[in-house]
Amino acid sequence: MGNKVQLDIVTPERIVYSKHIDMVVTKAADGEIGVMAQHVPFVSPIIGDTVRVKNDGSEETFKISGGFIEVRPDKVTILAESAEV
């Protein structure tokens, strides 16, 4: 899993998504960001309402409301008020 990063999308009610992925893209405080494995750590509010997950040549889109993204070199956590595919 050297080129993958663990992504967890979590709401107060449940874990919406938990998987090793290639890249996650969303709009944060400083603009659109793309996060892959070994990214520099940071925490930011999510400004947009969309999270795109790229994995093995396919892409999934999640609609979210509110929340934060926490990035570590091996894991990305998105804490959202709500999230759905």
N, C-alpha and C. Protein backbone atom coordinates (compact mmCIF):
# COMPACT_ATOMS: atom_id res chain seq x y z
N MET A 1 0.81 -1.19 0.00
CA MET A 1 0.00 0.00 0.00
C MET A 1 0.86 1.26 0.00
N GLY A 2 2.07 1.19 -0.49
CA GLY A 2 2.97 2.31 -0.45
C GLY A 2 2.49 3.55 -1.17
N ASN A 3 1.72 3.41 -2.24
CA ASN A 3 1.23 4.56 -2.98
C ASN A 3 -0.20 4.92 -2.63
N LYS A 4 -0.75 4.31 -1.61
CA LYS A 4 -2.13 4.56 -1.20
C LYS A 4 -2.14 5.23 0.17
N VAL A 5 -3.26 5.89 0.45
CA VAL A 5 -3.45 6.55 1.73
C VAL A 5 -4.82 6.12 2.26
N GLN A 6 -4.91 5.90 3.55
CA GLN A 6 -6.18 5.53 4.18
C GLN A 6 -7.07 6.77 4.24
N LEU A 7 -8.30 6.66 3.76
CA LEU A 7 -9.27 7.75 3.83
C LEU A 7 -10.45 7.30 4.67
N ASP A 8 -10.81 8.11 5.67
CA ASP A 8 -12.00 7.89 6.47
C ASP A 8 -12.87 9.14 6.35
N ILE A 9 -14.13 8.96 5.92
CA ILE A 9 -15.11 10.03 5.92
C ILE A 9 -16.10 9.69 7.03
N VAL A 10 -16.19 10.57 8.03
CA VAL A 10 -16.93 10.27 9.24
C VAL A 10 -17.94 11.37 9.53
N THR A 11 -19.17 10.98 9.90
CA THR A 11 -20.19 11.92 10.37
C THR A 11 -20.47 11.57 11.84
N PRO A 12 -21.23 12.39 12.54
CA PRO A 12 -21.56 12.04 13.93
C PRO A 12 -22.31 10.71 14.05
N GLU A 13 -23.01 10.31 13.00
CA GLU A 13 -23.81 9.09 13.05
C GLU A 13 -23.05 7.82 12.67
N ARG A 14 -22.07 7.95 11.73
CA ARG A 14 -21.45 6.73 11.23
C ARG A 14 -20.17 7.01 10.45
N ILE A 15 -19.46 5.93 10.14
CA ILE A 15 -18.33 5.98 9.22
C ILE A 15 -18.92 5.77 7.83
N VAL A 16 -18.84 6.78 6.98
CA VAL A 16 -19.44 6.74 5.65
C VAL A 16 -18.54 6.00 4.67
N TYR A 17 -17.22 6.15 4.83
CA TYR A 17 -16.26 5.57 3.88
C TYR A 17 -14.97 5.31 4.62
N SER A 18 -14.37 4.15 4.38
CA SER A 18 -13.09 3.82 4.98
C SER A 18 -12.36 2.85 4.05
N LYS A 19 -11.31 3.37 3.38
CA LYS A 19 -10.63 2.56 2.37
C LYS A 19 -9.27 3.17 2.04
N HIS A 20 -8.34 2.35 1.58
CA HIS A 20 -7.08 2.85 1.04
C HIS A 20 -7.34 3.34 -0.38
N ILE A 21 -6.89 4.55 -0.69
CA ILE A 21 -7.19 5.18 -1.98
C ILE A 21 -5.92 5.77 -2.59
N ASP A 22 -6.04 6.21 -3.86
CA ASP A 22 -4.92 6.86 -4.53
C ASP A 22 -4.86 8.36 -4.21
N MET A 23 -6.05 9.03 -4.19
CA MET A 23 -6.06 10.48 -4.03
C MET A 23 -7.45 10.95 -3.61
N VAL A 24 -7.50 11.98 -2.78
CA VAL A 24 -8.75 12.64 -2.41
C VAL A 24 -8.62 14.11 -2.77
N VAL A 25 -9.70 14.69 -3.34
CA VAL A 25 -9.69 16.08 -3.78
C VAL A 25 -10.89 16.78 -3.17
N THR A 26 -10.66 17.96 -2.57
CA THR A 26 -11.75 18.76 -2.01
C THR A 26 -11.31 20.22 -1.97
N LYS A 27 -12.24 21.08 -1.62
CA LYS A 27 -11.91 22.50 -1.51
C LYS A 27 -11.74 22.85 -0.03
N ALA A 28 -10.54 23.30 0.32
CA ALA A 28 -10.21 23.67 1.69
C ALA A 28 -10.09 25.19 1.78
N ALA A 29 -9.68 25.67 2.91
CA ALA A 29 -9.61 27.12 3.16
C ALA A 29 -8.74 27.86 2.15
N ASP A 30 -7.67 27.23 1.68
CA ASP A 30 -6.75 27.89 0.75
C ASP A 30 -6.99 27.50 -0.71
N GLY A 31 -8.12 26.88 -1.02
CA GLY A 31 -8.43 26.48 -2.39
C GLY A 31 -8.53 24.98 -2.52
N GLU A 32 -8.65 24.51 -3.77
CA GLU A 32 -8.78 23.09 -4.02
C GLU A 32 -7.47 22.38 -3.72
N ILE A 33 -7.57 21.24 -3.04
CA ILE A 33 -6.38 20.47 -2.69
C ILE A 33 -6.55 19.03 -3.15
N GLY A 34 -5.47 18.42 -3.50
CA GLY A 34 -5.42 17.00 -3.80
C GLY A 34 -4.42 16.36 -2.86
N VAL A 35 -4.83 15.31 -2.19
CA VAL A 35 -3.99 14.67 -1.18
C VAL A 35 -3.72 13.23 -1.58
N MET A 36 -2.44 12.87 -1.59
CA MET A 36 -2.01 11.51 -1.86
C MET A 36 -1.15 11.05 -0.68
N ALA A 37 -0.70 9.81 -0.73
CA ALA A 37 0.15 9.27 0.33
C ALA A 37 1.38 10.14 0.54
N GLN A 38 1.83 10.24 1.76
CA GLN A 38 3.01 10.98 2.18
C GLN A 38 2.85 12.50 2.08
N HIS A 39 1.62 12.98 2.05
CA HIS A 39 1.37 14.43 2.01
C HIS A 39 1.78 15.04 3.34
N VAL A 40 2.18 16.29 3.32
CA VAL A 40 2.56 17.00 4.53
C VAL A 40 1.31 17.14 5.43
N PRO A 41 1.47 16.97 6.74
CA PRO A 41 0.32 17.05 7.65
C PRO A 41 -0.27 18.47 7.73
N PHE A 42 -1.60 18.53 7.81
CA PHE A 42 -2.29 19.80 8.06
C PHE A 42 -3.75 19.52 8.43
N VAL A 43 -4.39 20.55 8.97
CA VAL A 43 -5.82 20.51 9.28
C VAL A 43 -6.44 21.76 8.69
N SER A 44 -7.63 21.62 8.06
CA SER A 44 -8.28 22.76 7.44
C SER A 44 -9.79 22.56 7.43
N PRO A 45 -10.55 23.65 7.53
CA PRO A 45 -11.99 23.50 7.28
C PRO A 45 -12.21 23.18 5.81
N ILE A 46 -13.26 22.44 5.54
CA ILE A 46 -13.65 22.18 4.14
C ILE A 46 -14.63 23.26 3.74
N ILE A 47 -14.34 23.94 2.65
CA ILE A 47 -15.15 25.06 2.19
C ILE A 47 -16.23 24.58 1.21
N GLY A 48 -15.90 23.65 0.35
CA GLY A 48 -16.84 23.18 -0.66
C GLY A 48 -17.80 22.16 -0.09
N ASP A 49 -18.63 21.63 -0.97
CA ASP A 49 -19.59 20.61 -0.55
C ASP A 49 -19.36 19.28 -1.26
N THR A 50 -18.19 19.12 -1.88
CA THR A 50 -17.89 17.92 -2.65
C THR A 50 -16.52 17.36 -2.26
N VAL A 51 -16.46 16.04 -2.14
CA VAL A 51 -15.20 15.32 -1.94
C VAL A 51 -15.11 14.29 -3.05
N ARG A 52 -14.04 14.35 -3.84
CA ARG A 52 -13.81 13.39 -4.92
C ARG A 52 -12.74 12.40 -4.49
N VAL A 53 -13.04 11.12 -4.64
CA VAL A 53 -12.12 10.06 -4.25
C VAL A 53 -11.68 9.32 -5.51
N LYS A 54 -10.38 9.31 -5.77
CA LYS A 54 -9.83 8.62 -6.94
C LYS A 54 -9.10 7.36 -6.46
N ASN A 55 -9.47 6.23 -7.11
CA ASN A 55 -8.86 4.97 -6.71
C ASN A 55 -8.91 3.97 -7.85
N ASP A 56 -7.77 3.42 -8.20
CA ASP A 56 -7.65 2.37 -9.22
C ASP A 56 -8.35 2.76 -10.53
N GLY A 57 -8.19 4.00 -10.95
CA GLY A 57 -8.74 4.45 -12.22
C GLY A 57 -10.19 4.88 -12.20
N SER A 58 -10.85 4.79 -11.06
CA SER A 58 -12.25 5.23 -10.98
C SER A 58 -12.35 6.40 -10.00
N GLU A 59 -13.50 7.07 -10.03
CA GLU A 59 -13.71 8.22 -9.16
C GLU A 59 -15.10 8.17 -8.56
N GLU A 60 -15.18 8.41 -7.25
CA GLU A 60 -16.45 8.51 -6.54
C GLU A 60 -16.57 9.94 -6.02
N THR A 61 -17.80 10.45 -5.97
CA THR A 61 -18.04 11.79 -5.45
C THR A 61 -18.99 11.71 -4.27
N PHE A 62 -18.62 12.39 -3.19
CA PHE A 62 -19.44 12.46 -2.00
C PHE A 62 -19.90 13.90 -1.81
N LYS A 63 -21.15 14.08 -1.47
CA LYS A 63 -21.68 15.39 -1.10
C LYS A 63 -21.60 15.48 0.42
N ILE A 64 -21.00 16.56 0.91
CA ILE A 64 -20.87 16.74 2.35
C ILE A 64 -21.39 18.12 2.73
N SER A 65 -21.66 18.28 4.01
CA SER A 65 -21.97 19.61 4.52
C SER A 65 -21.10 19.85 5.74
N GLY A 66 -20.44 21.00 5.72
CA GLY A 66 -19.57 21.37 6.83
C GLY A 66 -18.46 20.37 7.06
N GLY A 67 -17.53 20.73 7.88
CA GLY A 67 -16.53 19.76 8.27
C GLY A 67 -15.09 20.23 8.14
N PHE A 68 -14.21 19.30 8.47
CA PHE A 68 -12.78 19.53 8.48
C PHE A 68 -12.07 18.37 7.82
N ILE A 69 -10.88 18.65 7.30
CA ILE A 69 -10.01 17.60 6.77
C ILE A 69 -8.73 17.61 7.60
N GLU A 70 -8.34 16.43 8.06
CA GLU A 70 -7.08 16.25 8.77
C GLU A 70 -6.21 15.34 7.91
N VAL A 71 -5.03 15.81 7.57
CA VAL A 71 -4.13 15.06 6.70
C VAL A 71 -2.88 14.68 7.48
N ARG A 72 -2.54 13.40 7.40
CA ARG A 72 -1.27 12.89 7.90
C ARG A 72 -0.63 12.10 6.76
N PRO A 73 0.64 11.81 6.82
CA PRO A 73 1.29 11.13 5.69
C PRO A 73 0.64 9.80 5.31
N ASP A 74 0.04 9.10 6.29
CA ASP A 74 -0.53 7.78 6.02
C ASP A 74 -2.05 7.72 6.12
N LYS A 75 -2.71 8.85 6.50
CA LYS A 75 -4.15 8.81 6.71
C LYS A 75 -4.77 10.18 6.52
N VAL A 76 -5.96 10.20 5.88
CA VAL A 76 -6.74 11.41 5.73
C VAL A 76 -8.10 11.16 6.39
N THR A 77 -8.49 12.07 7.27
CA THR A 77 -9.79 11.96 7.92
C THR A 77 -10.61 13.18 7.58
N ILE A 78 -11.84 12.94 7.10
CA ILE A 78 -12.78 14.04 6.84
C ILE A 78 -13.90 13.88 7.86
N LEU A 79 -14.03 14.90 8.69
CA LEU A 79 -15.11 14.95 9.68
C LEU A 79 -16.17 15.89 9.14
N ALA A 80 -17.36 15.37 8.82
CA ALA A 80 -18.41 16.17 8.20
C ALA A 80 -19.69 16.09 9.01
N GLU A 81 -20.51 17.14 8.91
CA GLU A 81 -21.81 17.11 9.56
C GLU A 81 -22.71 16.06 8.91
N SER A 82 -22.64 15.97 7.57
CA SER A 82 -23.35 14.93 6.84
C SER A 82 -22.56 14.59 5.59
N ALA A 83 -22.76 13.37 5.08
CA ALA A 83 -22.07 12.93 3.87
C ALA A 83 -22.89 11.84 3.20
N GLU A 84 -22.95 11.89 1.86
CA GLU A 84 -23.64 10.86 1.09
C GLU A 84 -23.01 10.73 -0.28
N VAL A 85 -23.15 9.54 -0.86
CA VAL A 85 -22.60 9.30 -2.20
C VAL A 85 -23.46 9.99 -3.22
